[in-house]
Amino acid sequence: MFEDAVAAAIQSCPHGTIFLTAVSGGADSMAMLAALCAVAQKDSLYCLHVDHGLRPPEESRGDAEFVRDFCEKQGINCRIESVPPGKIASLARRKGSGVEAAARFFRRKALFREAARLGDNVKILTAHTKDDMLETTLMRVLRGAGPAGLAAMPVHRGRLLRPLLSMTRADVIGYLTEKNIPWREDSTNTDEKFLRNRIRHQLIPLLNESFSSWKTGLAAMAETQSLTATFIGDEARQCVKWEISSRFPDPSIITNEENFFCQPEIIREEALFQGIDLLGCAEREERAFAAKRSVIRRFCAGLVKAADLGPLRVRREGGKISLVSARKPCFESGFSLLIK
């Protein structure tokens, strides 16, 4: 059943697709990699392990060696990439985001860079499960995310593929146990300074005890928000057009102020977020909280003429709304080691 679900998730990919798997060494990613070894051609599989430099070196090196050894035994190409210690914490401070969000930023950069190196016919596979999806939705509810943030996590999205989204964490452990496949435990998974761990260890047990159908309800809400986010996004793209400005040296885009404020307020907010996307900022859920959604909302309501949004500034002047980025590139790679 587990391998069947993974096979079903990749079967729509064209012949010759390269599957780049993000493998931490934990239960979810090891189950994904093991199942792929059973259902896909091994010469189509590549593995990337990212050492974030957040844990004691002996623990993180142990994870890297564990993943490397498994890949060597299976005949899978494996790349180990290390982020220099302190880089993630520094990025988190600069962006005003949490360490988890900053680590995800580095990890995604590494994955997409490796995918570009491997070619055009690459899918990036991550081991998100149904439990991860529910935890993420709860996190975004608590943070006040909009429809895009609350939307259901898709199985396919661009280069990304999540083949375990229909499987639970219990399914993962059952598969690993049945196949006698070892995995590593990340010591930070029990550290409750991280919101996800507090949700996993405190909130979810309470929901399970008092609200037996909460998972079904939350999943239904996420599906509804997916439809809402798609509609609002399409409307914003049609109604508000951003143009590249000649402003130098900072990159900027502009749009017509009168047209912007003729739109419903939710369309203004979405258009502003789309403008932030055009300037190459971080993914939606990170930027919304780092840039303070309440500040964005005040600007879109016409209550202020300018607002600082972390690495960006938005202002109204001369009949135009301008969105200016003054940031410097914040991703610095570590070193890589290719193991065949």
C-alpha atoms as a PDB file:
ATOM      1  CA  MET A   1       0.000   0.000   0.000  1.00  0.00           C
ATOM      2  CA  PHE A   2       2.739   2.484   0.929  1.00  0.00           C
ATOM      3  CA  GLU A   3       4.804   1.776  -2.176  1.00  0.00           C
ATOM      4  CA  ASP A   4       1.636   1.838  -4.287  1.00  0.00           C
ATOM      5  CA  ALA A   5       0.878   5.372  -3.071  1.00  0.00           C
ATOM      6  CA  VAL A   6       4.387   6.551  -3.981  1.00  0.00           C
ATOM      7  CA  ALA A   7       4.173   4.859  -7.378  1.00  0.00           C
ATOM      8  CA  ALA A   8       0.808   6.551  -8.042  1.00  0.00           C
ATOM      9  CA  ALA A   9       2.266   9.962  -7.185  1.00  0.00           C
ATOM     10  CA  ILE A  10       5.133   9.672  -9.686  1.00  0.00           C
ATOM     11  CA  GLN A  11       3.357   7.845 -12.495  1.00  0.00           C
ATOM     12  CA  SER A  12       2.173  11.068 -14.154  1.00  0.00           C
ATOM     13  CA  CYS A  13       5.777  12.255 -14.576  1.00  0.00           C
ATOM     14  CA  PRO A  14       7.124  11.898 -18.141  1.00  0.00           C
ATOM     15  CA  HIS A  15       9.520   9.093 -18.996  1.00  0.00           C
ATOM     16  CA  GLY A  16      13.078  10.158 -18.244  1.00  0.00           C
ATOM     17  CA  THR A  17      12.162  12.361 -15.285  1.00  0.00           C
ATOM     18  CA  ILE A  18      14.915  12.698 -12.688  1.00  0.00           C
ATOM     19  CA  PHE A  19      13.683  12.514  -9.105  1.00  0.00           C
ATOM     20  CA  LEU A  20      15.714  14.668  -6.710  1.00  0.00           C
ATOM     21  CA  THR A  21      14.803  13.586  -3.180  1.00  0.00           C
ATOM     22  CA  ALA A  22      15.261  15.780  -0.111  1.00  0.00           C
ATOM     23  CA  VAL A  23      16.430  13.341   2.570  1.00  0.00           C
ATOM     24  CA  SER A  24      17.170  14.359   6.153  1.00  0.00           C
ATOM     25  CA  GLY A  25      17.597  10.820   7.451  1.00  0.00           C
ATOM     26  CA  GLY A  26      14.390  11.053   9.484  1.00  0.00           C
ATOM     27  CA  ALA A  27      11.534   8.571   9.264  1.00  0.00           C
ATOM     28  CA  ASP A  28       9.463  10.354   6.606  1.00  0.00           C
ATOM     29  CA  SER A  29      12.260  10.992   4.114  1.00  0.00           C
ATOM     30  CA  MET A  30      13.806   7.553   4.610  1.00  0.00           C
ATOM     31  CA  ALA A  31      10.438   5.904   3.943  1.00  0.00           C
ATOM     32  CA  MET A  32      10.023   8.001   0.795  1.00  0.00           C
ATOM     33  CA  LEU A  33      13.518   7.157  -0.465  1.00  0.00           C
ATOM     34  CA  ALA A  34      13.152   3.442   0.306  1.00  0.00           C
ATOM     35  CA  ALA A  35       9.787   3.284  -1.475  1.00  0.00           C
ATOM     36  CA  LEU A  36      11.219   5.097  -4.499  1.00  0.00           C
ATOM     37  CA  CYS A  37      14.038   2.549  -4.652  1.00  0.00           C
ATOM     38  CA  ALA A  38      11.339  -0.118  -4.925  1.00  0.00           C
ATOM     39  CA  VAL A  39       9.129   1.535  -7.568  1.00  0.00           C
ATOM     40  CA  ALA A  40      11.443   3.734  -9.686  1.00  0.00           C
ATOM     41  CA  GLN A  41      14.571   3.196 -11.733  1.00  0.00           C
ATOM     42  CA  LYS A  42      17.556   3.810  -9.462  1.00  0.00           C
ATOM     43  CA  ASP A  43      19.456   5.673 -12.171  1.00  0.00           C
ATOM     44  CA  SER A  44      16.643   8.262 -12.078  1.00  0.00           C
ATOM     45  CA  LEU A  45      17.077   8.888  -8.335  1.00  0.00           C
ATOM     46  CA  TYR A  46      19.261  11.574  -6.804  1.00  0.00           C
ATOM     47  CA  CYS A  47      19.465  12.524  -3.142  1.00  0.00           C
ATOM     48  CA  LEU A  48      20.294  15.842  -1.495  1.00  0.00           C
ATOM     49  CA  HIS A  49      20.958  16.064   2.241  1.00  0.00           C
ATOM     50  CA  VAL A  50      21.316  19.523   3.793  1.00  0.00           C
ATOM     51  CA  ASP A  51      23.207  19.976   7.059  1.00  0.00           C
ATOM     52  CA  HIS A  52      21.750  23.207   8.428  1.00  0.00           C
ATOM     53  CA  GLY A  53      24.500  23.758  10.980  1.00  0.00           C
ATOM     54  CA  LEU A  54      21.974  24.138  13.801  1.00  0.00           C
ATOM     55  CA  ARG A  55      22.743  21.049  15.904  1.00  0.00           C
ATOM     56  CA  PRO A  56      25.903  19.685  17.530  1.00  0.00           C
ATOM     57  CA  PRO A  57      28.367  18.690  14.767  1.00  0.00           C
ATOM     58  CA  GLU A  58      28.524  15.062  15.862  1.00  0.00           C
ATOM     59  CA  GLU A  59      24.750  14.703  15.489  1.00  0.00           C
ATOM     60  CA  SER A  60      24.470  16.448  12.124  1.00  0.00           C
ATOM     61  CA  ARG A  61      27.534  14.625  10.758  1.00  0.00           C
ATOM     62  CA  GLY A  62      25.947  11.367  11.884  1.00  0.00           C
ATOM     63  CA  ASP A  63      22.817  12.168   9.881  1.00  0.00           C
ATOM     64  CA  ALA A  64      24.854  13.006   6.776  1.00  0.00           C
ATOM     65  CA  GLU A  65      26.896   9.802   7.048  1.00  0.00           C
ATOM     66  CA  PHE A  66      23.740   7.756   7.588  1.00  0.00           C
ATOM     67  CA  VAL A  67      22.117   9.136   4.412  1.00  0.00           C
ATOM     68  CA  ARG A  68      25.350   8.779   2.451  1.00  0.00           C
ATOM     69  CA  ASP A  69      25.789   5.140   3.508  1.00  0.00           C
ATOM     70  CA  PHE A  70      22.200   4.239   2.611  1.00  0.00           C
ATOM     71  CA  CYS A  71      22.568   5.832  -0.827  1.00  0.00           C
ATOM     72  CA  GLU A  72      25.890   4.071  -1.457  1.00  0.00           C
ATOM     73  CA  LYS A  73      24.311   0.698  -0.659  1.00  0.00           C
ATOM     74  CA  GLN A  74      21.388   1.456  -2.989  1.00  0.00           C
ATOM     75  CA  GLY A  75      23.572   2.847  -5.786  1.00  0.00           C
ATOM     76  CA  ILE A  76      21.996   6.318  -5.628  1.00  0.00           C
ATOM     77  CA  ASN A  77      23.853   9.557  -6.363  1.00  0.00           C
ATOM     78  CA  CYS A  78      23.962  11.647  -3.190  1.00  0.00           C
ATOM     79  CA  ARG A  79      25.053  15.207  -2.517  1.00  0.00           C
ATOM     80  CA  ILE A  80      25.699  16.485   1.001  1.00  0.00           C
ATOM     81  CA  GLU A  81      25.451  20.260   1.372  1.00  0.00           C
ATOM     82  CA  SER A  82      26.430  22.067   4.550  1.00  0.00           C
ATOM     83  CA  VAL A  83      25.308  25.523   5.636  1.00  0.00           C
ATOM     84  CA  PRO A  84      28.050  27.262   7.663  1.00  0.00           C
ATOM     85  CA  PRO A  85      27.124  27.519  11.369  1.00  0.00           C
ATOM     86  CA  GLY A  86      25.451  30.802  12.226  1.00  0.00           C
ATOM     87  CA  LYS A  87      24.206  31.586   8.709  1.00  0.00           C
ATOM     88  CA  ILE A  88      20.633  30.463   9.352  1.00  0.00           C
ATOM     89  CA  ALA A  89      20.374  32.305  12.671  1.00  0.00           C
ATOM     90  CA  SER A  90      21.772  35.430  11.001  1.00  0.00           C
ATOM     91  CA  LEU A  91      19.215  35.219   8.200  1.00  0.00           C
ATOM     92  CA  ALA A  92      16.397  34.744  10.728  1.00  0.00           C
ATOM     93  CA  ARG A  93      17.464  37.918  12.545  1.00  0.00           C
ATOM     94  CA  ARG A  94      17.681  39.943   9.333  1.00  0.00           C
ATOM     95  CA  LYS A  95      14.287  38.781   8.087  1.00  0.00           C
ATOM     96  CA  GLY A  96      12.567  38.914  11.458  1.00  0.00           C
ATOM     97  CA  SER A  97      11.453  35.314  10.957  1.00  0.00           C
ATOM     98  CA  GLY A  98      11.928  32.140  12.952  1.00  0.00           C
ATOM     99  CA  VAL A  99      14.884  29.797  12.635  1.00  0.00           C
ATOM    100  CA  GLU A 100      12.657  27.132  11.053  1.00  0.00           C
ATOM    101  CA  ALA A 101      11.594  29.504   8.273  1.00  0.00           C
ATOM    102  CA  ALA A 102      15.193  30.562   7.648  1.00  0.00           C
ATOM    103  CA  ALA A 103      16.344  26.929   7.504  1.00  0.00           C
ATOM    104  CA  ARG A 104      13.589  26.166   4.999  1.00  0.00           C
ATOM    105  CA  PHE A 105      14.765  29.101   2.866  1.00  0.00           C
ATOM    106  CA  PHE A 106      18.327  27.711   2.715  1.00  0.00           C
ATOM    107  CA  ARG A 107      17.075  24.193   2.075  1.00  0.00           C
ATOM    108  CA  ARG A 108      14.803  25.260  -0.799  1.00  0.00           C
ATOM    109  CA  LYS A 109      17.614  27.278  -2.366  1.00  0.00           C
ATOM    110  CA  ALA A 110      19.888  24.252  -2.207  1.00  0.00           C
ATOM    111  CA  LEU A 111      17.236  21.965  -3.720  1.00  0.00           C
ATOM    112  CA  PHE A 112      16.366  24.268  -6.601  1.00  0.00           C
ATOM    113  CA  ARG A 113      20.029  24.952  -7.326  1.00  0.00           C
ATOM    114  CA  GLU A 114      20.725  21.210  -7.453  1.00  0.00           C
ATOM    115  CA  ALA A 115      17.660  20.656  -9.649  1.00  0.00           C
ATOM    116  CA  ALA A 116      18.944  23.312 -12.078  1.00  0.00           C
ATOM    117  CA  ARG A 117      22.318  21.557 -12.167  1.00  0.00           C
ATOM    118  CA  LEU A 118      20.695  18.216 -13.007  1.00  0.00           C
ATOM    119  CA  GLY A 119      18.652  19.570 -15.929  1.00  0.00           C
ATOM    120  CA  ASP A 120      15.159  20.566 -17.011  1.00  0.00           C
ATOM    121  CA  ASN A 121      13.375  17.232 -16.472  1.00  0.00           C
ATOM    122  CA  VAL A 122      13.761  17.206 -12.685  1.00  0.00           C
ATOM    123  CA  LYS A 123      11.141  16.804  -9.977  1.00  0.00           C
ATOM    124  CA  ILE A 124      12.031  17.761  -6.400  1.00  0.00           C
ATOM    125  CA  LEU A 125      10.478  15.259  -3.990  1.00  0.00           C
ATOM    126  CA  THR A 126       9.824  16.152  -0.353  1.00  0.00           C
ATOM    127  CA  ALA A 127       8.467  13.796   2.308  1.00  0.00           C
ATOM    128  CA  HIS A 128       5.553  15.843   3.648  1.00  0.00           C
ATOM    129  CA  THR A 129       2.841  13.603   5.093  1.00  0.00           C
ATOM    130  CA  LYS A 130      -0.822  14.211   5.875  1.00  0.00           C
ATOM    131  CA  ASP A 131       0.232  14.947   9.475  1.00  0.00           C
ATOM    132  CA  ASP A 132       2.697  17.600   8.283  1.00  0.00           C
ATOM    133  CA  MET A 133      -0.020  19.219   6.197  1.00  0.00           C
ATOM    134  CA  LEU A 134      -2.404  19.421   9.172  1.00  0.00           C
ATOM    135  CA  GLU A 135       0.327  20.770  11.474  1.00  0.00           C
ATOM    136  CA  THR A 136       1.253  23.417   8.913  1.00  0.00           C
ATOM    137  CA  THR A 137      -2.361  24.479   8.525  1.00  0.00           C
ATOM    138  CA  LEU A 138      -2.730  24.824  12.303  1.00  0.00           C
ATOM    139  CA  MET A 139       0.431  26.937  12.417  1.00  0.00           C
ATOM    140  CA  ARG A 140      -0.928  29.243   9.739  1.00  0.00           C
ATOM    141  CA  VAL A 141      -4.325  29.527  11.425  1.00  0.00           C
ATOM    142  CA  LEU A 142      -2.597  30.645  14.625  1.00  0.00           C
ATOM    143  CA  ARG A 143      -0.475  33.149  12.701  1.00  0.00           C
ATOM    144  CA  GLY A 144      -3.452  34.673  10.898  1.00  0.00           C
ATOM    145  CA  ALA A 145      -2.571  33.583   7.357  1.00  0.00           C
ATOM    146  CA  GLY A 146      -4.740  34.518   4.404  1.00  0.00           C
ATOM    147  CA  PRO A 147      -6.385  32.140   1.890  1.00  0.00           C
ATOM    148  CA  ALA A 148      -3.104  31.284   0.121  1.00  0.00           C
ATOM    149  CA  GLY A 149      -1.458  30.374   3.415  1.00  0.00           C
ATOM    150  CA  LEU A 150      -4.421  28.258   4.510  1.00  0.00           C
ATOM    151  CA  ALA A 151      -4.800  26.463   1.171  1.00  0.00           C
ATOM    152  CA  ALA A 152      -4.273  22.726   1.082  1.00  0.00           C
ATOM    153  CA  MET A 153      -0.729  21.617   0.332  1.00  0.00           C
ATOM    154  CA  PRO A 154      -0.758  20.310  -3.274  1.00  0.00           C
ATOM    155  CA  VAL A 155       0.839  17.022  -4.303  1.00  0.00           C
ATOM    156  CA  HIS A 156       2.238  18.654  -7.462  1.00  0.00           C
ATOM    157  CA  ARG A 157       3.337  22.274  -7.696  1.00  0.00           C
ATOM    158  CA  GLY A 158       5.781  23.267 -10.406  1.00  0.00           C
ATOM    159  CA  ARG A 159       8.935  21.266  -9.848  1.00  0.00           C
ATOM    160  CA  LEU A 160       7.809  20.132  -6.399  1.00  0.00           C
ATOM    161  CA  LEU A 161       6.242  16.727  -5.797  1.00  0.00           C
ATOM    162  CA  ARG A 162       5.026  15.447  -2.413  1.00  0.00           C
ATOM    163  CA  PRO A 163       4.362  11.706  -2.859  1.00  0.00           C
ATOM    164  CA  LEU A 164       3.493  11.015   0.810  1.00  0.00           C
ATOM    165  CA  LEU A 165       0.680  13.560   1.263  1.00  0.00           C
ATOM    166  CA  SER A 166      -1.951  10.820   1.355  1.00  0.00           C
ATOM    167  CA  MET A 167      -0.027   8.898   4.030  1.00  0.00           C
ATOM    168  CA  THR A 168       0.068   9.451   7.795  1.00  0.00           C
ATOM    169  CA  ARG A 169       3.058   9.351  10.117  1.00  0.00           C
ATOM    170  CA  ALA A 170       1.721   6.037  11.416  1.00  0.00           C
ATOM    171  CA  ASP A 171       1.823   4.697   7.823  1.00  0.00           C
ATOM    172  CA  VAL A 172       5.451   5.789   7.578  1.00  0.00           C
ATOM    173  CA  ILE A 173       6.514   4.045  10.800  1.00  0.00           C
ATOM    174  CA  GLY A 174       4.575   0.933   9.837  1.00  0.00           C
ATOM    175  CA  TYR A 175       6.344   0.755   6.459  1.00  0.00           C
ATOM    176  CA  LEU A 176       9.817   1.278   7.932  1.00  0.00           C
ATOM    177  CA  THR A 177       9.166  -1.352  10.583  1.00  0.00           C
ATOM    178  CA  GLU A 178       7.841  -3.849   8.046  1.00  0.00           C
ATOM    179  CA  LYS A 179      10.850  -3.362   5.758  1.00  0.00           C
ATOM    180  CA  ASN A 180      13.351  -3.172   8.636  1.00  0.00           C
ATOM    181  CA  ILE A 181      14.634   0.207   7.446  1.00  0.00           C
ATOM    182  CA  PRO A 182      16.425   2.340  10.077  1.00  0.00           C
ATOM    183  CA  TRP A 183      16.086   6.087  10.442  1.00  0.00           C
ATOM    184  CA  ARG A 184      17.543   8.936  12.488  1.00  0.00           C
ATOM    185  CA  GLU A 185      15.778  11.003  15.161  1.00  0.00           C
ATOM    186  CA  ASP A 186      16.396  14.770  15.113  1.00  0.00           C
ATOM    187  CA  SER A 187      16.895  15.997  18.679  1.00  0.00           C
ATOM    188  CA  THR A 188      15.216  19.311  17.830  1.00  0.00           C
ATOM    189  CA  ASN A 189      11.916  17.494  17.168  1.00  0.00           C
ATOM    190  CA  THR A 190      11.235  17.548  20.913  1.00  0.00           C
ATOM    191  CA  ASP A 191      12.343  21.160  21.468  1.00  0.00           C
ATOM    192  CA  GLU A 192       9.151  23.062  22.246  1.00  0.00           C
ATOM    193  CA  LYS A 193      10.635  26.480  21.587  1.00  0.00           C
ATOM    194  CA  PHE A 194       9.587  25.726  18.002  1.00  0.00           C
ATOM    195  CA  LEU A 195       5.907  26.355  17.261  1.00  0.00           C
ATOM    196  CA  ARG A 196       5.511  23.175  15.204  1.00  0.00           C
ATOM    197  CA  ASN A 197       6.689  21.047  18.128  1.00  0.00           C
ATOM    198  CA  ARG A 198       4.310  22.782  20.553  1.00  0.00           C
ATOM    199  CA  ILE A 199       1.464  22.111  18.139  1.00  0.00           C
ATOM    200  CA  ARG A 200       2.541  18.491  17.685  1.00  0.00           C
ATOM    201  CA  HIS A 201       3.081  17.681  21.361  1.00  0.00           C
ATOM    202  CA  GLN A 202       0.570  19.955  23.115  1.00  0.00           C
ATOM    203  CA  LEU A 203      -2.223  21.174  20.838  1.00  0.00           C
ATOM    204  CA  ILE A 204      -2.845  18.087  18.694  1.00  0.00           C
ATOM    205  CA  PRO A 205      -3.219  15.675  21.655  1.00  0.00           C
ATOM    206  CA  LEU A 206      -5.793  18.110  23.091  1.00  0.00           C
ATOM    207  CA  LEU A 207      -7.669  18.251  19.783  1.00  0.00           C
ATOM    208  CA  ASN A 208      -7.593  14.470  19.481  1.00  0.00           C
ATOM    209  CA  GLU A 209      -9.076  14.145  22.966  1.00  0.00           C
ATOM    210  CA  SER A 210     -11.776  16.815  22.712  1.00  0.00           C
ATOM    211  CA  PHE A 211     -12.573  17.215  18.994  1.00  0.00           C
ATOM    212  CA  SER A 212     -12.500  13.835  17.285  1.00  0.00           C
ATOM    213  CA  SER A 213     -13.335  15.164  13.799  1.00  0.00           C
ATOM    214  CA  TRP A 214     -10.918  18.112  13.769  1.00  0.00           C
ATOM    215  CA  LYS A 215      -8.685  16.606  11.056  1.00  0.00           C
ATOM    216  CA  THR A 216     -11.587  16.210   8.634  1.00  0.00           C
ATOM    217  CA  GLY A 217     -12.815  19.732   9.322  1.00  0.00           C
ATOM    218  CA  LEU A 218      -9.376  21.298   8.960  1.00  0.00           C
ATOM    219  CA  ALA A 219      -8.695  19.449   5.709  1.00  0.00           C
ATOM    220  CA  ALA A 220     -12.069  20.609   4.318  1.00  0.00           C
ATOM    221  CA  MET A 221     -11.272  24.200   5.259  1.00  0.00           C
ATOM    222  CA  ALA A 222      -7.907  23.944   3.484  1.00  0.00           C
ATOM    223  CA  GLU A 223      -9.592  22.683   0.297  1.00  0.00           C
ATOM    224  CA  THR A 224     -12.057  25.593   0.405  1.00  0.00           C
ATOM    225  CA  GLN A 225      -9.214  28.055   0.911  1.00  0.00           C
ATOM    226  CA  SER A 226      -7.417  26.572  -2.106  1.00  0.00           C
ATOM    227  CA  LEU A 227     -10.399  27.489  -4.280  1.00  0.00           C
ATOM    228  CA  THR A 228     -10.620  30.928  -2.664  1.00  0.00           C
ATOM    229  CA  ALA A 229      -6.902  31.625  -3.112  1.00  0.00           C
ATOM    230  CA  THR A 230      -7.019  30.622  -6.795  1.00  0.00           C
ATOM    231  CA  PHE A 231      -9.986  32.906  -7.479  1.00  0.00           C
ATOM    232  CA  ILE A 232      -8.504  35.891  -5.626  1.00  0.00           C
ATOM    233  CA  GLY A 233      -5.105  35.376  -7.249  1.00  0.00           C
ATOM    234  CA  ASP A 234      -6.578  35.276 -10.751  1.00  0.00           C
ATOM    235  CA  GLU A 235      -8.673  38.401 -10.093  1.00  0.00           C
ATOM    236  CA  ALA A 236      -5.687  40.322  -8.731  1.00  0.00           C
ATOM    237  CA  ARG A 237      -3.522  39.441 -11.746  1.00  0.00           C
ATOM    238  CA  GLN A 238      -6.243  40.625 -14.134  1.00  0.00           C
ATOM    239  CA  CYS A 239      -7.112  43.818 -12.268  1.00  0.00           C
ATOM    240  CA  VAL A 240      -3.729  45.113 -11.084  1.00  0.00           C
ATOM    241  CA  LYS A 241      -0.763  45.210 -13.448  1.00  0.00           C
ATOM    242  CA  TRP A 242       2.762  45.809 -12.143  1.00  0.00           C
ATOM    243  CA  GLU A 243       5.412  47.419 -14.346  1.00  0.00           C
ATOM    244  CA  ILE A 244       9.172  47.467 -13.888  1.00  0.00           C
ATOM    245  CA  SER A 245      10.381  50.926 -12.912  1.00  0.00           C
ATOM    246  CA  SER A 246      13.604  52.552 -14.104  1.00  0.00           C
ATOM    247  CA  ARG A 247      14.478  53.385 -10.507  1.00  0.00           C
ATOM    248  CA  PHE A 248      18.185  52.812  -9.785  1.00  0.00           C
ATOM    249  CA  PRO A 249      20.015  51.184  -8.023  1.00  0.00           C
ATOM    250  CA  ASP A 250      17.252  49.373  -6.114  1.00  0.00           C
ATOM    251  CA  PRO A 251      14.860  47.162  -8.112  1.00  0.00           C
ATOM    252  CA  SER A 252      11.280  48.416  -8.035  1.00  0.00           C
ATOM    253  CA  ILE A 253       7.875  47.981  -9.650  1.00  0.00           C
ATOM    254  CA  ILE A 254       4.937  50.368  -9.971  1.00  0.00           C
ATOM    255  CA  THR A 255       1.196  50.279 -10.588  1.00  0.00           C
ATOM    256  CA  ASN A 256      -1.534  52.865 -11.041  1.00  0.00           C
ATOM    257  CA  GLU A 257      -2.740  54.187  -7.670  1.00  0.00           C
ATOM    258  CA  GLU A 258      -6.303  55.010  -8.737  1.00  0.00           C
ATOM    259  CA  ASN A 259      -6.860  51.592 -10.287  1.00  0.00           C
ATOM    260  CA  PHE A 260      -5.318  49.876  -7.249  1.00  0.00           C
ATOM    261  CA  PHE A 261      -7.699  51.554  -4.808  1.00  0.00           C
ATOM    262  CA  CYS A 262     -10.718  50.916  -7.049  1.00  0.00           C
ATOM    263  CA  GLN A 263     -10.356  47.194  -6.317  1.00  0.00           C
ATOM    264  CA  PRO A 264     -11.892  45.356  -3.346  1.00  0.00           C
ATOM    265  CA  GLU A 265      -9.522  45.406  -0.397  1.00  0.00           C
ATOM    266  CA  ILE A 266      -8.773  41.666  -0.558  1.00  0.00           C
ATOM    267  CA  ILE A 267      -7.722  42.096  -4.211  1.00  0.00           C
ATOM    268  CA  ARG A 268      -5.423  44.981  -3.213  1.00  0.00           C
ATOM    269  CA  GLU A 269      -3.756  42.791  -0.595  1.00  0.00           C
ATOM    270  CA  GLU A 270      -3.283  39.923  -3.038  1.00  0.00           C
ATOM    271  CA  ALA A 271      -1.943  42.289  -5.712  1.00  0.00           C
ATOM    272  CA  LEU A 272       0.589  43.651  -3.250  1.00  0.00           C
ATOM    273  CA  PHE A 273       1.688  40.128  -2.356  1.00  0.00           C
ATOM    274  CA  GLN A 274       2.022  39.346  -6.069  1.00  0.00           C
ATOM    275  CA  GLY A 275       4.210  42.433  -6.399  1.00  0.00           C
ATOM    276  CA  ILE A 276       6.376  41.131  -3.554  1.00  0.00           C
ATOM    277  CA  ASP A 277       6.662  37.847  -5.472  1.00  0.00           C
ATOM    278  CA  LEU A 278       7.825  39.726  -8.572  1.00  0.00           C
ATOM    279  CA  LEU A 279      10.657  41.237  -6.564  1.00  0.00           C
ATOM    280  CA  GLY A 280      11.820  37.763  -5.632  1.00  0.00           C
ATOM    281  CA  CYS A 281      11.049  37.726  -1.926  1.00  0.00           C
ATOM    282  CA  ALA A 282      10.567  34.615   0.195  1.00  0.00           C
ATOM    283  CA  GLU A 283       7.595  32.284  -0.060  1.00  0.00           C
ATOM    284  CA  ARG A 284       4.132  33.444   0.972  1.00  0.00           C
ATOM    285  CA  GLU A 285       3.859  32.262   4.548  1.00  0.00           C
ATOM    286  CA  GLU A 286       7.304  33.599   5.520  1.00  0.00           C
ATOM    287  CA  ARG A 287       6.953  36.996   3.953  1.00  0.00           C
ATOM    288  CA  ALA A 288       3.452  37.560   5.333  1.00  0.00           C
ATOM    289  CA  PHE A 289       4.628  37.340   8.918  1.00  0.00           C
ATOM    290  CA  ALA A 290       8.084  38.873   8.469  1.00  0.00           C
ATOM    291  CA  ALA A 291       6.559  41.853   6.686  1.00  0.00           C
ATOM    292  CA  LYS A 292       3.705  42.167   9.216  1.00  0.00           C
ATOM    293  CA  ARG A 293       0.395  41.473   7.516  1.00  0.00           C
ATOM    294  CA  SER A 294      -1.295  44.104   9.687  1.00  0.00           C
ATOM    295  CA  VAL A 295       0.961  46.776   8.154  1.00  0.00           C
ATOM    296  CA  ILE A 296       0.111  45.577   4.648  1.00  0.00           C
ATOM    297  CA  ARG A 297      -3.562  45.688   5.554  1.00  0.00           C
ATOM    298  CA  ARG A 298      -3.302  49.296   6.803  1.00  0.00           C
ATOM    299  CA  PHE A 299      -1.634  50.359   3.576  1.00  0.00           C
ATOM    300  CA  CYS A 300      -4.204  48.566   1.397  1.00  0.00           C
ATOM    301  CA  ALA A 301      -7.014  50.178   3.413  1.00  0.00           C
ATOM    302  CA  GLY A 302      -5.575  53.604   2.531  1.00  0.00           C
ATOM    303  CA  LEU A 303      -4.726  54.459   6.147  1.00  0.00           C
ATOM    304  CA  VAL A 304      -1.035  55.150   5.470  1.00  0.00           C
ATOM    305  CA  LYS A 305       0.862  56.452   2.435  1.00  0.00           C
ATOM    306  CA  ALA A 306       3.989  54.368   2.970  1.00  0.00           C
ATOM    307  CA  ALA A 307       4.984  51.251   4.863  1.00  0.00           C
ATOM    308  CA  ASP A 308       8.158  49.336   5.597  1.00  0.00           C
ATOM    309  CA  LEU A 309       7.780  45.640   4.836  1.00  0.00           C
ATOM    310  CA  GLY A 310      11.043  44.193   6.076  1.00  0.00           C
ATOM    311  CA  PRO A 311      13.338  44.197   3.014  1.00  0.00           C
ATOM    312  CA  LEU A 312      10.779  46.193   1.010  1.00  0.00           C
ATOM    313  CA  ARG A 313       9.060  49.561   1.130  1.00  0.00           C
ATOM    314  CA  VAL A 314       5.712  50.409  -0.461  1.00  0.00           C
ATOM    315  CA  ARG A 315       4.553  54.002  -1.020  1.00  0.00           C
ATOM    316  CA  ARG A 316       1.914  56.125  -2.746  1.00  0.00           C
ATOM    317  CA  GLU A 317       3.122  59.189  -4.640  1.00  0.00           C
ATOM    318  CA  GLY A 318       2.585  60.900  -7.979  1.00  0.00           C
ATOM    319  CA  GLY A 319      -0.444  58.777  -8.832  1.00  0.00           C
ATOM    320  CA  LYS A 320       1.619  55.602  -8.564  1.00  0.00           C
ATOM    321  CA  ILE A 321       2.158  52.879  -6.010  1.00  0.00           C
ATOM    322  CA  SER A 322       5.768  51.765  -5.945  1.00  0.00           C
ATOM    323  CA  LEU A 323       7.219  48.684  -4.331  1.00  0.00           C
ATOM    324  CA  VAL A 324      10.950  48.999  -3.805  1.00  0.00           C
ATOM    325  CA  SER A 325      13.435  46.341  -2.755  1.00  0.00           C
ATOM    326  CA  ALA A 326      16.579  47.521  -1.028  1.00  0.00           C
ATOM    327  CA  ARG A 327      17.723  44.122   0.093  1.00  0.00           C
ATOM    328  CA  LYS A 328      21.003  42.435  -0.717  1.00  0.00           C
ATOM    329  CA  PRO A 329      21.172  38.738  -1.600  1.00  0.00           C
ATOM    330  CA  CYS A 330      20.912  36.902   1.685  1.00  0.00           C
ATOM    331  CA  PHE A 331      21.633  33.330   0.650  1.00  0.00           C
ATOM    332  CA  GLU A 332      25.192  32.127   0.951  1.00  0.00           C
ATOM    333  CA  SER A 333      25.946  28.555   0.109  1.00  0.00           C
ATOM    334  CA  GLY A 334      28.167  26.323   2.105  1.00  0.00           C
ATOM    335  CA  PHE A 335      30.230  23.562   0.565  1.00  0.00           C
ATOM    336  CA  SER A 336      29.033  20.542  -1.353  1.00  0.00           C
ATOM    337  CA  LEU A 337      30.312  17.013  -1.654  1.00  0.00           C
ATOM    338  CA  LEU A 338      29.065  14.724  -4.402  1.00  0.00           C
ATOM    339  CA  ILE A 339      29.078  11.061  -3.487  1.00  0.00           C
ATOM    340  CA  LYS A 340      28.461   8.505  -6.233  1.00  0.00           C
END
